[in-house]
Protein backbone atom coordinates (compact mmCIF):
# COMPACT_ATOMS: atom_id res chain seq x y z
CA MET A 1 -19.31 17.12 -28.39
CA SER A 2 -18.90 14.02 -26.22
CA ARG A 3 -20.81 12.95 -23.13
CA CYS A 4 -18.70 12.17 -20.07
CA LEU A 5 -19.52 10.25 -16.89
CA ILE A 6 -17.39 10.98 -13.81
CA VAL A 7 -17.78 8.31 -11.13
CA TYR A 8 -16.26 9.12 -7.75
CA PHE A 9 -16.41 8.28 -4.05
CA SER A 10 -16.42 11.11 -1.53
CA GLN A 11 -17.16 10.78 2.18
CA GLY A 12 -15.75 14.12 3.32
CA GLY A 13 -16.63 16.12 0.21
CA THR A 14 -13.11 16.78 -1.08
CA THR A 15 -13.21 14.30 -3.97
CA ARG A 16 -16.60 15.70 -4.95
CA ARG A 17 -15.16 19.23 -5.13
CA VAL A 18 -12.38 18.08 -7.43
CA ALA A 19 -14.83 16.10 -9.57
CA GLU A 20 -16.98 19.21 -9.96
CA ALA A 21 -13.94 21.28 -10.93
CA VAL A 22 -12.84 18.74 -13.56
CA SER A 23 -16.38 18.74 -14.94
CA THR A 24 -16.27 22.54 -15.15
CA GLY A 25 -13.15 22.33 -17.32
CA LEU A 26 -14.76 19.78 -19.62
CA ARG A 27 -18.02 21.70 -19.91
CA ALA A 28 -16.14 24.86 -20.80
CA GLN A 29 -15.00 23.02 -23.92
CA GLY A 30 -18.54 22.04 -24.84
CA HIS A 31 -18.72 18.52 -23.37
CA GLU A 32 -21.72 17.21 -21.43
CA VAL A 33 -20.80 15.81 -18.01
CA ASP A 34 -22.74 13.75 -15.48
CA LEU A 35 -21.37 13.20 -11.97
CA HIS A 36 -22.14 10.23 -9.74
CA ASP A 37 -21.01 9.54 -6.17
CA LEU A 38 -20.73 5.79 -5.49
CA GLU A 39 -22.03 6.44 -1.98
CA ASP A 40 -25.40 7.08 -3.66
CA GLY A 41 -25.49 3.60 -5.21
CA PRO A 42 -24.61 2.08 -8.59
CA PRO A 43 -23.86 4.64 -11.32
CA PRO A 44 -25.47 4.81 -14.77
CA ALA A 45 -24.21 2.33 -17.35
CA HIS A 46 -21.07 3.72 -18.96
CA GLY A 47 -22.30 2.63 -22.39
CA ARG A 48 -24.36 5.82 -22.60
CA TYR A 49 -21.17 7.90 -22.51
CA GLU A 50 -18.15 8.42 -24.76
CA ILE A 51 -15.76 9.22 -21.86
CA LEU A 52 -15.40 7.73 -18.37
CA GLY A 53 -13.61 9.44 -15.47
CA VAL A 54 -12.92 7.88 -12.06
CA GLY A 55 -12.05 9.83 -8.93
CA CYS A 56 -11.26 8.42 -5.51
CA PRO A 57 -9.48 9.00 -2.22
CA ALA A 58 -6.50 6.91 -1.22
CA HIS A 59 -7.35 4.53 1.64
CA TYR A 60 -4.41 2.67 3.16
CA TYR A 61 -2.25 3.59 0.12
CA ARG A 62 -4.68 2.08 -2.38
CA PRO A 63 -8.05 3.08 -3.88
CA ALA A 64 -11.06 3.03 -1.57
CA ILE A 65 -12.58 -0.45 -1.73
CA VAL A 66 -15.85 0.95 -3.07
CA VAL A 67 -13.99 2.26 -6.14
CA SER A 68 -11.99 -0.94 -6.64
CA ASP A 69 -15.22 -2.97 -6.57
CA TYR A 70 -16.79 -0.69 -9.16
CA LEU A 71 -13.80 -1.00 -11.48
CA GLU A 72 -13.49 -4.76 -11.11
CA ASN A 73 -17.15 -5.17 -12.07
CA LEU A 74 -17.01 -2.89 -15.10
CA PRO A 75 -17.84 -4.51 -18.44
CA ASP A 76 -15.34 -4.18 -21.27
CA LEU A 77 -14.61 -0.55 -22.17
CA SER A 78 -13.60 -1.38 -25.76
CA GLY A 79 -11.13 1.47 -26.15
CA LYS A 80 -13.28 4.13 -24.45
CA PRO A 81 -11.25 7.21 -23.35
CA VAL A 82 -10.79 7.19 -19.57
CA PHE A 83 -9.13 9.39 -16.99
CA THR A 84 -8.31 9.19 -13.28
CA PHE A 85 -7.81 11.58 -10.39
CA VAL A 86 -6.89 10.61 -6.83
CA LEU A 87 -6.91 12.55 -3.56
CA HIS A 88 -4.67 12.00 -0.56
CA ALA A 89 -4.12 13.80 2.73
CA ALA A 90 -0.71 12.39 3.62
CA TYR A 91 0.97 9.76 1.41
CA LEU A 92 -0.60 8.45 -1.78
CA GLY A 93 0.98 5.04 -2.23
CA ASP A 94 -0.24 2.97 -5.20
CA ALA A 95 -3.82 4.26 -5.29
CA GLY A 96 -3.48 6.02 -8.64
CA ASN A 97 -1.51 3.18 -10.20
CA VAL A 98 -4.18 0.63 -9.23
CA VAL A 99 -7.05 2.65 -10.72
CA ARG A 100 -5.11 3.21 -13.94
CA ARG A 101 -4.21 -0.48 -14.19
CA LEU A 102 -7.78 -1.65 -13.63
CA LEU A 103 -9.13 0.75 -16.26
CA ALA A 104 -6.47 -0.44 -18.73
CA GLU A 105 -7.33 -4.08 -18.01
CA LYS A 106 -10.95 -3.26 -18.85
CA GLY A 107 -9.88 -1.89 -22.22
CA GLY A 108 -9.90 1.82 -21.43
CA LYS A 109 -7.67 4.23 -23.36
CA GLU A 110 -6.08 6.62 -20.87
CA LEU A 111 -6.56 10.34 -21.45
CA GLY A 112 -4.98 11.63 -18.27
CA TYR A 113 -4.13 11.20 -14.61
CA ALA A 114 -3.92 13.78 -11.82
CA ARG A 115 -3.49 13.74 -8.05
CA PHE A 116 -4.56 16.33 -5.49
CA ARG A 117 -4.35 16.94 -1.76
CA GLY A 118 -7.57 16.53 0.19
CA ALA A 119 -8.34 17.20 3.86
CA GLY A 120 -7.83 14.10 5.97
CA HIS A 121 -10.65 12.66 8.08
CA PHE A 122 -9.02 9.40 9.15
CA LEU A 123 -9.81 8.38 12.71
CA GLY A 124 -6.41 6.80 13.31
CA TYR A 125 -4.67 10.14 12.75
CA LEU A 126 -7.32 12.19 14.55
CA LYS A 127 -6.92 10.02 17.64
CA HIS A 128 -3.22 10.84 17.57
CA GLY A 129 -3.97 14.55 17.39
CA TYR A 130 -3.33 15.30 13.71
CA ARG A 131 -5.31 16.35 10.66
CA PHE A 132 -3.31 16.45 7.45
CA SER A 133 -3.86 18.76 4.46
CA PRO A 134 -6.65 20.51 6.42
CA ALA A 135 -7.29 23.30 3.89
CA ASP A 136 -7.15 21.17 0.75
CA PRO A 137 -8.14 21.14 -1.98
CA ASN A 138 -7.36 24.88 -1.93
CA SER A 139 -8.23 27.39 -4.63
CA ASP A 140 -5.04 26.63 -6.57
CA ALA A 141 -5.88 22.91 -6.62
CA ILE A 142 -9.43 23.59 -7.77
CA ALA A 143 -8.10 25.79 -10.58
CA ARG A 144 -5.66 23.02 -11.52
CA ALA A 145 -8.52 20.51 -11.59
CA GLU A 146 -10.43 22.79 -13.99
CA ARG A 147 -7.34 23.03 -16.21
CA PHE A 148 -7.05 19.26 -16.07
CA GLY A 149 -10.60 19.01 -17.41
CA GLY A 150 -9.71 21.41 -20.23
CA GLU A 151 -6.59 19.42 -21.06
CA LEU A 152 -8.64 16.23 -21.25
CA ALA A 153 -10.94 17.89 -23.77
CA ALA A 154 -7.95 19.00 -25.86
CA ARG A 155 -6.46 15.51 -25.82
CA LEU A 156 -9.65 14.05 -27.23
CA ALA A 157 -8.93 15.92 -30.44
CA ARG A 158 -5.40 14.53 -30.73
CA GLU A 159 -4.38 11.05 -31.82
CA THR A 160 -1.61 10.68 -29.23
CA HIS A 161 -0.48 12.29 -26.00
CA VAL A 162 2.18 11.64 -23.35
CA LEU A 163 0.90 9.66 -20.37
CA ALA A 164 1.74 10.76 -16.84
CA ALA A 165 4.41 8.72 -15.07
CA HIS A 166 3.24 6.14 -12.57
CA ASP A 167 3.67 6.87 -8.88
CA PRO A 168 6.49 5.15 -6.96
CA PRO A 169 5.47 2.23 -4.72
CA PRO A 170 5.07 3.00 -1.01
CA PRO A 171 7.83 2.05 1.45
CA ALA A 172 7.72 -1.40 3.01
CA VAL A 173 6.09 -0.26 6.27
CA TYR A 174 3.12 1.15 4.33
CA GLN A 175 2.90 -1.98 2.18
CA LEU A 176 2.62 -4.04 5.39
CA GLU A 177 -0.13 -1.76 6.68
CA ARG A 178 -1.94 -2.09 3.34
CA PHE A 179 -1.70 -5.87 3.55
CA LEU A 180 -3.08 -5.99 7.10
CA THR A 181 -6.05 -3.83 6.09
CA GLY A 182 -6.90 -5.85 2.97
CA ARG A 183 -10.36 -7.08 2.04
CA PHE A 184 -9.77 -10.62 3.41
CA PHE A 185 -8.94 -9.39 6.92
CA ILE A 186 -11.78 -6.87 6.87
CA ARG A 187 -14.44 -9.39 5.86
CA HIS A 188 -13.29 -12.29 8.01
CA LEU A 189 -11.91 -10.52 11.08
CA TYR A 190 -12.26 -6.77 11.59
CA SER A 191 -15.91 -6.48 10.55
CA LYS A 192 -16.84 -8.89 13.36
CA LEU A 193 -15.08 -6.88 16.05
CA PHE A 194 -16.97 -3.59 16.17
CA ARG A 195 -18.63 -3.17 19.55
CA VAL A 196 -21.26 -0.80 20.97
CA ASP A 197 -21.48 0.09 24.63
CA GLY A 198 -25.20 -0.18 25.34
CA ASN A 199 -24.89 2.16 28.34
CA LYS A 200 -23.54 4.94 26.13
CA CYS A 201 -25.48 4.42 22.90
CA SER A 202 -28.35 6.90 22.46
CA HIS A 203 -29.75 5.15 19.36
CA CYS A 204 -29.24 8.30 17.31
CA THR A 205 -28.57 6.11 14.19
CA LEU A 206 -25.73 8.38 13.00
CA CYS A 207 -23.51 5.32 12.61
CA MET A 208 -26.04 3.66 10.33
CA LYS A 209 -26.76 6.78 8.28
CA GLY A 210 -23.08 7.64 7.86
CA CYS A 211 -21.89 4.20 6.75
CA PRO A 212 -21.02 4.51 3.03
CA THR A 213 -21.82 0.86 2.31
CA ARG A 214 -24.97 0.67 4.51
CA ASN A 215 -23.18 -2.06 6.42
CA ILE A 216 -24.72 -1.38 9.84
CA ARG A 217 -28.23 -2.49 10.75
CA GLU A 218 -30.35 -2.70 13.86
CA ASP A 219 -31.43 -6.12 15.13
CA HIS A 220 -34.74 -6.97 16.80
CA LYS A 221 -33.36 -5.86 20.16
CA GLY A 222 -32.21 -2.49 18.86
CA ARG A 223 -28.55 -3.45 18.88
CA ARG A 224 -26.17 -2.36 16.12
CA VAL A 225 -24.90 -5.19 13.91
CA TRP A 226 -22.04 -4.86 11.42
CA GLY A 227 -22.16 -6.86 8.18
CA ARG A 228 -19.25 -7.94 5.98
CA GLU A 229 -19.23 -4.95 3.61
CA CYS A 230 -17.12 -2.76 5.90
CA ILE A 231 -14.40 -0.74 4.15
CA LEU A 232 -12.58 0.15 7.40
CA CYS A 233 -13.24 3.87 7.07
CA PHE A 234 -14.26 4.07 10.77
CA ALA A 235 -16.83 6.77 9.99
CA CYS A 236 -19.21 5.09 12.44
CA GLU A 237 -16.80 5.33 15.35
CA MET A 238 -15.51 8.77 14.32
CA ASN A 239 -18.99 10.35 14.17
CA CYS A 240 -20.50 8.75 17.29
CA PRO A 241 -21.49 11.62 19.62
CA ARG A 242 -21.35 9.39 22.72
CA GLU A 243 -18.13 7.50 21.90
CA ALA A 244 -20.13 4.30 22.26
CA ILE A 245 -18.40 2.46 19.43
CA SER A 246 -15.06 0.66 19.68
CA SER A 247 -13.24 -1.05 16.85
CA PRO A 248 -9.95 -2.69 15.85
CA MET A 249 -8.52 0.82 15.34
CA THR A 250 -7.60 0.77 19.04
CA TRP A 251 -5.76 -2.55 18.78
CA SER A 252 -2.13 -2.51 19.79
CA MET A 253 -1.17 -4.06 16.42
CA PHE A 254 -2.30 -0.88 14.62
CA TRP A 255 -0.92 1.56 17.16
CA PRO A 256 2.72 1.46 15.90
CA PHE A 257 1.53 2.19 12.34
CA MET A 258 -0.47 5.21 13.47
CA VAL A 259 2.42 6.51 15.56
CA TYR A 260 4.87 6.09 12.69
CA ASN A 261 2.52 7.54 10.06
CA THR A 262 1.69 10.67 12.03
CA TRP A 263 5.30 11.17 13.10
CA SER A 264 6.53 10.89 9.50
CA ALA A 265 3.82 13.03 7.88
CA ALA A 266 3.97 15.74 10.56
CA ARG A 267 7.67 16.22 9.83
CA ASP A 268 7.29 16.28 6.06
CA PRO A 269 7.46 19.91 4.83
CA ALA A 270 5.34 18.98 1.79
CA ILE A 271 2.35 18.04 4.00
CA GLU A 272 0.41 20.69 5.90
CA HIS A 273 -1.05 19.68 9.24
CA VAL A 274 -2.86 21.02 12.29
CA ARG A 275 -3.06 19.62 15.80
CA VAL A 276 -6.52 18.53 16.86
CA VAL A 277 -8.54 16.88 19.60
CA HIS A 278 -11.24 14.44 18.54
CA ALA A 279 -13.96 13.59 21.04
CA ASN A 280 -17.70 12.87 21.00
CA GLY A 281 -17.89 12.86 17.23
CA ARG A 282 -16.27 16.27 16.81
CA THR A 283 -12.79 17.36 15.78
CA THR A 284 -11.51 20.56 17.37
CA VAL A 285 -8.50 22.32 15.90
CA LEU A 286 -6.05 23.45 18.58
CA PRO A 287 -4.46 26.91 18.48
CA ALA A 288 -1.08 27.00 16.82
CA PRO A 289 1.76 27.20 19.35
CA GLN A 290 3.06 30.71 19.91
CA ARG A 291 6.56 31.34 18.64
CA ARG A 292 8.85 33.05 21.08
CA ASP A 293 11.24 35.78 20.02
CA GLY A 294 14.45 34.20 18.86
CA ASP A 295 12.85 30.86 17.88
């Protein structure tokens, strides 16, 4: 049987759970599977494997930058079978399409594509009092991920199979948000505008430890310094127990996007949500409102 490498990026653990479920489906058919989280550093060379899978969350309606960088730096795949799975809490956008396109440009032969809901941990939505898809991936999604792994194994034995349709492009308002959060603006503008209130900072180093790209360091005076490898995940600000960190997330230019996004997703019956309060690095789920008789 074939050896498979599944490369993924998972900050909150949801993409990891799906990756593990897909691997379970593949292993049940006799395939060897290695898993690697890009947060742990560069993965093994794909040349040691017959199959390559890529899993990622959707960030700003596209793949997380860490995943895009990995794909863009891949050597030629020379017809290697590849597959993709993407997680999203609210709207997916073009994330899956981009991963599939990059793998095809590298010479990969697509075996399959799947998308799943994953609990949202985005600071912009938490600040507005919402967490989307809070219980996902649920048991049904995990079972579907295992079946997806089994289907991939079955497709390896066939010469041809029908590819999944590509996802529709996001509406214009989301495309504008995606543009304004692109790599150019992050590197040359936003990454320079994180601030730490020295009177609040306790030097706990949670911001440094939780940064997925190790982009935060301490200077000779003990101050936090952000480099240019930020991916705008805001994990540093979200996890700070003293609320000492401020960032462009609070800018008025982003506020209308967050208001619109939460308003739209909260009214979409296809997207589960809970109301929350986020403070001091913790997210507290609020009790569901009581329904009155006759409502």
